[in-house]
Amino acid sequence: MSMSKSADAPHRLETKLGIVIPGDDLGEINDKLAGHGVLEINGRFTAVKRGILSEKEKVVSVEPIHSKYTPRPSDLVIGYIEGCTNNIWFVDIGAPFNAILPMSLGPSKAEFGGARSVIDIGEAIICRVQEVEETHSSVVSMKGMGLRKINSGIVEQLPPHLIGRIIGKGGKSLSKLKSNSECRIVVADNGRIWVDGDISGISKVRYTISNLANENFGGEN
């Protein structure tokens, strides 16, 4: 799959080691059943959770990956749309509970019932945590500079506690990585990283991120 600036659905690039992410097509339903993290759409299964694909006794599920993020007000996060109602989107930001994005805080308004025409299930967004309740559920907003739907590039993942290492003191490491790769890079507080550029530049950034992850897990992905 291409990783050029014009690529569609950037977050669909990660399929290594059986890992799937929201929006990934998991195949035809046939005689199987949808389990946790899986949605039936037009006769096919679609992943609505990031995790490891699993099939047991004809039930297709997505097993969640460890390392949860704890949201805080004003955090910049990258999320995946997992579902929606007429005027609310439900966003996976890597926290124990999905965040909600009300239509009033979205990128644009739509006619009643037209939320999916603005942001569809499986798409990735850059947003900001507006408030966090006592239960740790949160509300996010796309009102602000740089907040948008992601239409190009890729989204990578690091454990949230490692993002400081890719940013570096005073942002020096991140600035150097941007310069060396000639990529646009947004590092979110929930450990997700948007990288947009040409194939060679994106490969350089992915290599750096992979090395950080391997150091953290002792060489395991």
C-alpha atoms as a PDB file:
ATOM      1  CA  MET A   1       0.000   0.000   0.000  1.00  0.00           C
ATOM      2  CA  SER A   2       1.269   3.431  -0.872  1.00  0.00           C
ATOM      3  CA  MET A   3       2.451   5.794   1.828  1.00  0.00           C
ATOM      4  CA  SER A   4       2.393   8.931  -0.311  1.00  0.00           C
ATOM      5  CA  LYS A   5       0.763  12.204   0.689  1.00  0.00           C
ATOM      6  CA  SER A   6      -2.264  11.316  -1.413  1.00  0.00           C
ATOM      7  CA  ALA A   7      -2.844   7.987   0.305  1.00  0.00           C
ATOM      8  CA  ASP A   8      -6.335   7.400   1.674  1.00  0.00           C
ATOM      9  CA  ALA A   9      -7.178   6.047   5.131  1.00  0.00           C
ATOM     10  CA  PRO A  10      -3.697   6.515   6.610  1.00  0.00           C
ATOM     11  CA  HIS A  11      -4.384   4.435   9.678  1.00  0.00           C
ATOM     12  CA  ARG A  12      -5.008   1.288   7.635  1.00  0.00           C
ATOM     13  CA  LEU A  13      -1.296   0.743   6.984  1.00  0.00           C
ATOM     14  CA  GLU A  14      -0.529  -1.129  10.210  1.00  0.00           C
ATOM     15  CA  THR A  15      -1.189  -4.858   9.748  1.00  0.00           C
ATOM     16  CA  LYS A  16       2.054  -6.427  10.997  1.00  0.00           C
ATOM     17  CA  LEU A  17       2.081  -9.250  13.545  1.00  0.00           C
ATOM     18  CA  GLY A  18      -1.682  -9.741  13.363  1.00  0.00           C
ATOM     19  CA  ILE A  19      -2.376  -6.220  14.646  1.00  0.00           C
ATOM     20  CA  VAL A  20      -5.496  -4.524  13.270  1.00  0.00           C
ATOM     21  CA  ILE A  21      -6.789  -1.005  13.771  1.00  0.00           C
ATOM     22  CA  PRO A  22     -10.198   0.679  13.413  1.00  0.00           C
ATOM     23  CA  GLY A  23     -11.404   0.579   9.818  1.00  0.00           C
ATOM     24  CA  ASP A  24      -9.472  -2.538   8.787  1.00  0.00           C
ATOM     25  CA  ASP A  25     -11.491  -4.950   6.634  1.00  0.00           C
ATOM     26  CA  LEU A  26     -11.492  -8.384   8.298  1.00  0.00           C
ATOM     27  CA  GLY A  27     -13.243 -10.305   5.508  1.00  0.00           C
ATOM     28  CA  GLU A  28     -16.681 -11.721   4.730  1.00  0.00           C
ATOM     29  CA  ILE A  29     -19.024 -12.729   7.520  1.00  0.00           C
ATOM     30  CA  ASN A  30     -20.042 -16.144   6.073  1.00  0.00           C
ATOM     31  CA  ASP A  31     -21.096 -18.269   9.072  1.00  0.00           C
ATOM     32  CA  LYS A  32     -18.988 -16.376  11.617  1.00  0.00           C
ATOM     33  CA  LEU A  33     -20.089 -14.038  14.403  1.00  0.00           C
ATOM     34  CA  ALA A  34     -18.803 -10.595  15.383  1.00  0.00           C
ATOM     35  CA  GLY A  35     -17.168 -10.451  18.802  1.00  0.00           C
ATOM     36  CA  HIS A  36     -15.498  -7.701  20.822  1.00  0.00           C
ATOM     37  CA  GLY A  37     -14.026  -4.920  18.706  1.00  0.00           C
ATOM     38  CA  VAL A  38     -15.689  -6.058  15.470  1.00  0.00           C
ATOM     39  CA  LEU A  39     -18.629  -4.569  13.559  1.00  0.00           C
ATOM     40  CA  GLU A  40     -20.698  -6.031  10.705  1.00  0.00           C
ATOM     41  CA  ILE A  41     -20.873  -3.638   7.733  1.00  0.00           C
ATOM     42  CA  ASN A  42     -22.365  -4.606   4.356  1.00  0.00           C
ATOM     43  CA  GLY A  43     -21.770  -8.322   4.810  1.00  0.00           C
ATOM     44  CA  ARG A  44     -18.173  -7.932   5.990  1.00  0.00           C
ATOM     45  CA  PHE A  45     -16.401  -7.599   9.316  1.00  0.00           C
ATOM     46  CA  THR A  46     -14.670  -4.307  10.150  1.00  0.00           C
ATOM     47  CA  ALA A  47     -12.345  -3.694  13.088  1.00  0.00           C
ATOM     48  CA  VAL A  48     -13.441  -0.932  15.465  1.00  0.00           C
ATOM     49  CA  LYS A  49     -10.686  -1.523  18.044  1.00  0.00           C
ATOM     50  CA  ARG A  50      -6.891  -1.523  17.854  1.00  0.00           C
ATOM     51  CA  GLY A  51      -5.538  -4.895  18.892  1.00  0.00           C
ATOM     52  CA  ILE A  52      -4.724  -8.457  17.886  1.00  0.00           C
ATOM     53  CA  LEU A  53      -7.123 -10.279  15.549  1.00  0.00           C
ATOM     54  CA  SER A  54      -8.538 -13.447  17.074  1.00  0.00           C
ATOM     55  CA  GLU A  55     -10.989 -16.142  15.945  1.00  0.00           C
ATOM     56  CA  LYS A  56     -12.361 -18.688  18.417  1.00  0.00           C
ATOM     57  CA  GLU A  57     -15.294 -21.005  17.718  1.00  0.00           C
ATOM     58  CA  LYS A  58     -16.295 -18.913  14.680  1.00  0.00           C
ATOM     59  CA  VAL A  59     -16.332 -15.680  16.712  1.00  0.00           C
ATOM     60  CA  VAL A  60     -14.057 -13.005  15.239  1.00  0.00           C
ATOM     61  CA  SER A  61     -12.734 -10.567  17.855  1.00  0.00           C
ATOM     62  CA  VAL A  62     -10.038  -7.966  18.371  1.00  0.00           C
ATOM     63  CA  GLU A  63      -8.122  -8.496  21.605  1.00  0.00           C
ATOM     64  CA  PRO A  64      -6.990  -5.159  23.098  1.00  0.00           C
ATOM     65  CA  ILE A  65      -3.301  -4.297  23.400  1.00  0.00           C
ATOM     66  CA  HIS A  66      -1.889  -3.330  26.809  1.00  0.00           C
ATOM     67  CA  SER A  67      -0.775   0.172  27.843  1.00  0.00           C
ATOM     68  CA  LYS A  68      -3.756   2.420  28.427  1.00  0.00           C
ATOM     69  CA  TYR A  69      -3.644   6.185  28.270  1.00  0.00           C
ATOM     70  CA  THR A  70      -5.166   8.355  31.015  1.00  0.00           C
ATOM     71  CA  PRO A  71      -6.720  11.498  29.485  1.00  0.00           C
ATOM     72  CA  ARG A  72      -6.159  14.954  30.934  1.00  0.00           C
ATOM     73  CA  PRO A  73      -7.799  18.250  29.942  1.00  0.00           C
ATOM     74  CA  SER A  74      -5.985  20.037  27.076  1.00  0.00           C
ATOM     75  CA  ASP A  75      -4.123  16.867  25.969  1.00  0.00           C
ATOM     76  CA  LEU A  76      -3.556  16.595  22.220  1.00  0.00           C
ATOM     77  CA  VAL A  77      -4.674  13.141  21.093  1.00  0.00           C
ATOM     78  CA  ILE A  78      -5.099  11.110  17.933  1.00  0.00           C
ATOM     79  CA  GLY A  79      -8.264   9.037  17.937  1.00  0.00           C
ATOM     80  CA  TYR A  80     -10.121   6.539  15.784  1.00  0.00           C
ATOM     81  CA  ILE A  81     -13.868   6.830  15.224  1.00  0.00           C
ATOM     82  CA  GLU A  82     -15.532   3.680  16.575  1.00  0.00           C
ATOM     83  CA  GLY A  83     -19.175   4.627  16.196  1.00  0.00           C
ATOM     84  CA  CYS A  84     -21.631   7.482  16.113  1.00  0.00           C
ATOM     85  CA  THR A  85     -25.209   8.547  16.730  1.00  0.00           C
ATOM     86  CA  ASN A  86     -27.097  11.318  14.976  1.00  0.00           C
ATOM     87  CA  ASN A  87     -24.951  14.035  16.563  1.00  0.00           C
ATOM     88  CA  ILE A  88     -22.134  12.364  18.536  1.00  0.00           C
ATOM     89  CA  TRP A  89     -19.018  10.416  17.555  1.00  0.00           C
ATOM     90  CA  PHE A  90     -17.417   7.826  19.852  1.00  0.00           C
ATOM     91  CA  VAL A  91     -13.637   8.054  19.699  1.00  0.00           C
ATOM     92  CA  ASP A  92     -10.997   5.502  20.691  1.00  0.00           C
ATOM     93  CA  ILE A  93      -8.150   7.547  22.190  1.00  0.00           C
ATOM     94  CA  GLY A  94      -6.425   4.570  23.815  1.00  0.00           C
ATOM     95  CA  ALA A  95      -8.036   5.230  27.207  1.00  0.00           C
ATOM     96  CA  PRO A  96     -10.112   2.768  29.265  1.00  0.00           C
ATOM     97  CA  PHE A  97     -13.275   4.496  28.006  1.00  0.00           C
ATOM     98  CA  ASN A  98     -14.065   5.952  24.606  1.00  0.00           C
ATOM     99  CA  ALA A  99     -14.209   9.732  24.386  1.00  0.00           C
ATOM    100  CA  ILE A 100     -17.207  11.484  22.866  1.00  0.00           C
ATOM    101  CA  LEU A 101     -17.020  14.155  20.191  1.00  0.00           C
ATOM    102  CA  PRO A 102     -20.282  16.147  20.009  1.00  0.00           C
ATOM    103  CA  MET A 103     -21.293  17.557  16.639  1.00  0.00           C
ATOM    104  CA  SER A 104     -20.938  21.055  18.133  1.00  0.00           C
ATOM    105  CA  LEU A 105     -17.224  20.376  18.715  1.00  0.00           C
ATOM    106  CA  GLY A 106     -16.625  18.573  15.429  1.00  0.00           C
ATOM    107  CA  PRO A 107     -14.942  19.907  12.276  1.00  0.00           C
ATOM    108  CA  SER A 108     -18.235  20.892  10.657  1.00  0.00           C
ATOM    109  CA  LYS A 109     -21.957  20.476  11.103  1.00  0.00           C
ATOM    110  CA  ALA A 110     -24.099  18.045   9.164  1.00  0.00           C
ATOM    111  CA  GLU A 111     -27.789  17.442   8.721  1.00  0.00           C
ATOM    112  CA  PHE A 112     -29.420  15.420  11.491  1.00  0.00           C
ATOM    113  CA  GLY A 113     -28.291  11.815  11.080  1.00  0.00           C
ATOM    114  CA  GLY A 114     -25.438  12.732   8.755  1.00  0.00           C
ATOM    115  CA  ALA A 115     -22.521  12.406  11.184  1.00  0.00           C
ATOM    116  CA  ARG A 116     -20.858   9.693   9.096  1.00  0.00           C
ATOM    117  CA  SER A 117     -20.764  11.990   6.082  1.00  0.00           C
ATOM    118  CA  VAL A 118     -18.448  14.278   8.078  1.00  0.00           C
ATOM    119  CA  ILE A 119     -16.283  11.656   9.856  1.00  0.00           C
ATOM    120  CA  ASP A 120     -16.853   7.956   9.180  1.00  0.00           C
ATOM    121  CA  ILE A 121     -16.204   4.896  11.329  1.00  0.00           C
ATOM    122  CA  GLY A 122     -12.555   3.874  11.179  1.00  0.00           C
ATOM    123  CA  GLU A 123     -11.229   7.307  10.279  1.00  0.00           C
ATOM    124  CA  ALA A 124      -8.512   8.990  12.331  1.00  0.00           C
ATOM    125  CA  ILE A 125      -8.665  12.488  13.807  1.00  0.00           C
ATOM    126  CA  ILE A 126      -6.388  14.887  15.647  1.00  0.00           C
ATOM    127  CA  CYS A 127      -8.347  16.394  18.527  1.00  0.00           C
ATOM    128  CA  ARG A 128      -7.902  17.824  22.001  1.00  0.00           C
ATOM    129  CA  VAL A 129      -9.327  16.642  25.325  1.00  0.00           C
ATOM    130  CA  GLN A 130     -11.732  19.311  26.518  1.00  0.00           C
ATOM    131  CA  GLU A 131     -12.908  17.803  29.784  1.00  0.00           C
ATOM    132  CA  VAL A 132     -12.529  14.644  31.826  1.00  0.00           C
ATOM    133  CA  GLU A 133     -15.198  13.332  34.200  1.00  0.00           C
ATOM    134  CA  GLU A 134     -14.607  11.599  37.529  1.00  0.00           C
ATOM    135  CA  THR A 135     -15.103   8.233  35.790  1.00  0.00           C
ATOM    136  CA  HIS A 136     -12.226   9.177  33.412  1.00  0.00           C
ATOM    137  CA  SER A 137     -14.583   9.321  30.439  1.00  0.00           C
ATOM    138  CA  SER A 138     -13.787  12.381  28.353  1.00  0.00           C
ATOM    139  CA  VAL A 139     -15.063  14.878  25.805  1.00  0.00           C
ATOM    140  CA  VAL A 140     -12.824  15.858  22.901  1.00  0.00           C
ATOM    141  CA  SER A 141     -12.935  18.801  20.513  1.00  0.00           C
ATOM    142  CA  MET A 142     -11.769  19.484  16.962  1.00  0.00           C
ATOM    143  CA  LYS A 143     -12.137  23.249  17.399  1.00  0.00           C
ATOM    144  CA  GLY A 144      -8.655  24.713  17.365  1.00  0.00           C
ATOM    145  CA  MET A 145      -5.526  25.199  15.305  1.00  0.00           C
ATOM    146  CA  GLY A 146      -4.168  22.005  13.749  1.00  0.00           C
ATOM    147  CA  LEU A 147      -7.129  19.840  14.803  1.00  0.00           C
ATOM    148  CA  ARG A 148      -8.449  17.899  11.824  1.00  0.00           C
ATOM    149  CA  LYS A 149      -9.396  14.627  10.190  1.00  0.00           C
ATOM    150  CA  ILE A 150      -6.315  12.741   8.982  1.00  0.00           C
ATOM    151  CA  ASN A 151      -6.462  12.133   5.244  1.00  0.00           C
ATOM    152  CA  SER A 152      -2.845  11.236   4.439  1.00  0.00           C
ATOM    153  CA  GLY A 153       0.293   9.694   5.887  1.00  0.00           C
ATOM    154  CA  ILE A 154       0.316   7.037   8.612  1.00  0.00           C
ATOM    155  CA  VAL A 155      -0.403   6.775  12.321  1.00  0.00           C
ATOM    156  CA  GLU A 156       2.164   4.947  14.463  1.00  0.00           C
ATOM    157  CA  GLN A 157       1.965   4.012  18.139  1.00  0.00           C
ATOM    158  CA  LEU A 158       4.295   4.228  21.125  1.00  0.00           C
ATOM    159  CA  PRO A 159       3.488   3.588  24.795  1.00  0.00           C
ATOM    160  CA  PRO A 160       2.458   7.034  26.125  1.00  0.00           C
ATOM    161  CA  HIS A 161       5.330   7.102  28.625  1.00  0.00           C
ATOM    162  CA  LEU A 162       7.861   6.994  25.773  1.00  0.00           C
ATOM    163  CA  ILE A 163       6.729  10.046  23.836  1.00  0.00           C
ATOM    164  CA  GLY A 164       9.120  12.264  25.762  1.00  0.00           C
ATOM    165  CA  ARG A 165      12.019  10.323  24.263  1.00  0.00           C
ATOM    166  CA  ILE A 166      10.953  10.999  20.694  1.00  0.00           C
ATOM    167  CA  ILE A 167      10.353  14.690  21.475  1.00  0.00           C
ATOM    168  CA  GLY A 168      13.587  15.216  23.407  1.00  0.00           C
ATOM    169  CA  LYS A 169      14.648  18.096  25.624  1.00  0.00           C
ATOM    170  CA  GLY A 170      13.139  21.305  24.323  1.00  0.00           C
ATOM    171  CA  GLY A 171      11.774  19.410  21.316  1.00  0.00           C
ATOM    172  CA  LYS A 172      15.269  18.956  19.840  1.00  0.00           C
ATOM    173  CA  SER A 173      14.925  15.245  19.003  1.00  0.00           C
ATOM    174  CA  LEU A 174      11.613  15.777  17.243  1.00  0.00           C
ATOM    175  CA  SER A 175      12.945  18.762  15.307  1.00  0.00           C
ATOM    176  CA  LYS A 176      15.948  16.721  14.161  1.00  0.00           C
ATOM    177  CA  LEU A 177      13.704  13.828  13.105  1.00  0.00           C
ATOM    178  CA  LYS A 178      11.474  16.170  11.111  1.00  0.00           C
ATOM    179  CA  SER A 179      14.516  17.689   9.401  1.00  0.00           C
ATOM    180  CA  ASN A 180      16.166  14.360   8.582  1.00  0.00           C
ATOM    181  CA  SER A 181      12.993  12.761   7.264  1.00  0.00           C
ATOM    182  CA  GLU A 182      11.451  15.881   5.694  1.00  0.00           C
ATOM    183  CA  CYS A 183       8.158  14.714   7.170  1.00  0.00           C
ATOM    184  CA  ARG A 184       5.396  16.448   9.015  1.00  0.00           C
ATOM    185  CA  ILE A 185       5.138  14.775  12.426  1.00  0.00           C
ATOM    186  CA  VAL A 186       2.532  15.264  15.156  1.00  0.00           C
ATOM    187  CA  VAL A 187       3.237  13.504  18.453  1.00  0.00           C
ATOM    188  CA  ALA A 188       0.073  13.166  20.541  1.00  0.00           C
ATOM    189  CA  ASP A 189      -0.110  12.759  24.306  1.00  0.00           C
ATOM    190  CA  ASN A 190      -1.786   9.353  23.966  1.00  0.00           C
ATOM    191  CA  GLY A 191       1.282   7.890  22.252  1.00  0.00           C
ATOM    192  CA  ARG A 192      -0.017   8.036  18.691  1.00  0.00           C
ATOM    193  CA  ILE A 193       2.130   9.731  16.103  1.00  0.00           C
ATOM    194  CA  TRP A 194       0.982  11.088  12.730  1.00  0.00           C
ATOM    195  CA  VAL A 195       3.677  11.043  10.057  1.00  0.00           C
ATOM    196  CA  ASP A 196       3.082  12.604   6.636  1.00  0.00           C
ATOM    197  CA  GLY A 197       5.662  12.711   3.847  1.00  0.00           C
ATOM    198  CA  ASP A 198       7.171  10.624   1.073  1.00  0.00           C
ATOM    199  CA  ILE A 199       7.889   6.906   1.401  1.00  0.00           C
ATOM    200  CA  SER A 200      11.582   7.228   2.270  1.00  0.00           C
ATOM    201  CA  GLY A 201      10.941   9.883   4.905  1.00  0.00           C
ATOM    202  CA  ILE A 202       8.128   7.920   6.533  1.00  0.00           C
ATOM    203  CA  SER A 203      10.353   4.827   6.604  1.00  0.00           C
ATOM    204  CA  LYS A 204      13.021   6.762   8.538  1.00  0.00           C
ATOM    205  CA  VAL A 205      10.473   7.881  11.125  1.00  0.00           C
ATOM    206  CA  ARG A 206       8.989   4.385  11.458  1.00  0.00           C
ATOM    207  CA  TYR A 207      12.485   2.959  12.000  1.00  0.00           C
ATOM    208  CA  THR A 208      13.106   5.431  14.835  1.00  0.00           C
ATOM    209  CA  ILE A 209       9.750   4.666  16.457  1.00  0.00           C
ATOM    210  CA  SER A 210      10.315   0.917  16.103  1.00  0.00           C
ATOM    211  CA  ASN A 211      13.697   1.177  17.806  1.00  0.00           C
ATOM    212  CA  LEU A 212      12.173   3.045  20.748  1.00  0.00           C
ATOM    213  CA  ALA A 213       9.431   0.427  21.096  1.00  0.00           C
ATOM    214  CA  ASN A 214      11.915  -2.451  20.890  1.00  0.00           C
ATOM    215  CA  GLU A 215      14.119  -0.899  23.584  1.00  0.00           C
ATOM    216  CA  ASN A 216      11.063  -0.587  25.852  1.00  0.00           C
ATOM    217  CA  PHE A 217       9.904  -4.191  25.370  1.00  0.00           C
ATOM    218  CA  GLY A 218      13.343  -5.785  25.331  1.00  0.00           C
ATOM    219  CA  GLY A 219      13.293  -6.459  21.592  1.00  0.00           C
ATOM    220  CA  GLU A 220       9.666  -7.664  21.393  1.00  0.00           C
ATOM    221  CA  ASN A 221       7.081  -5.930  19.171  1.00  0.00           C
END
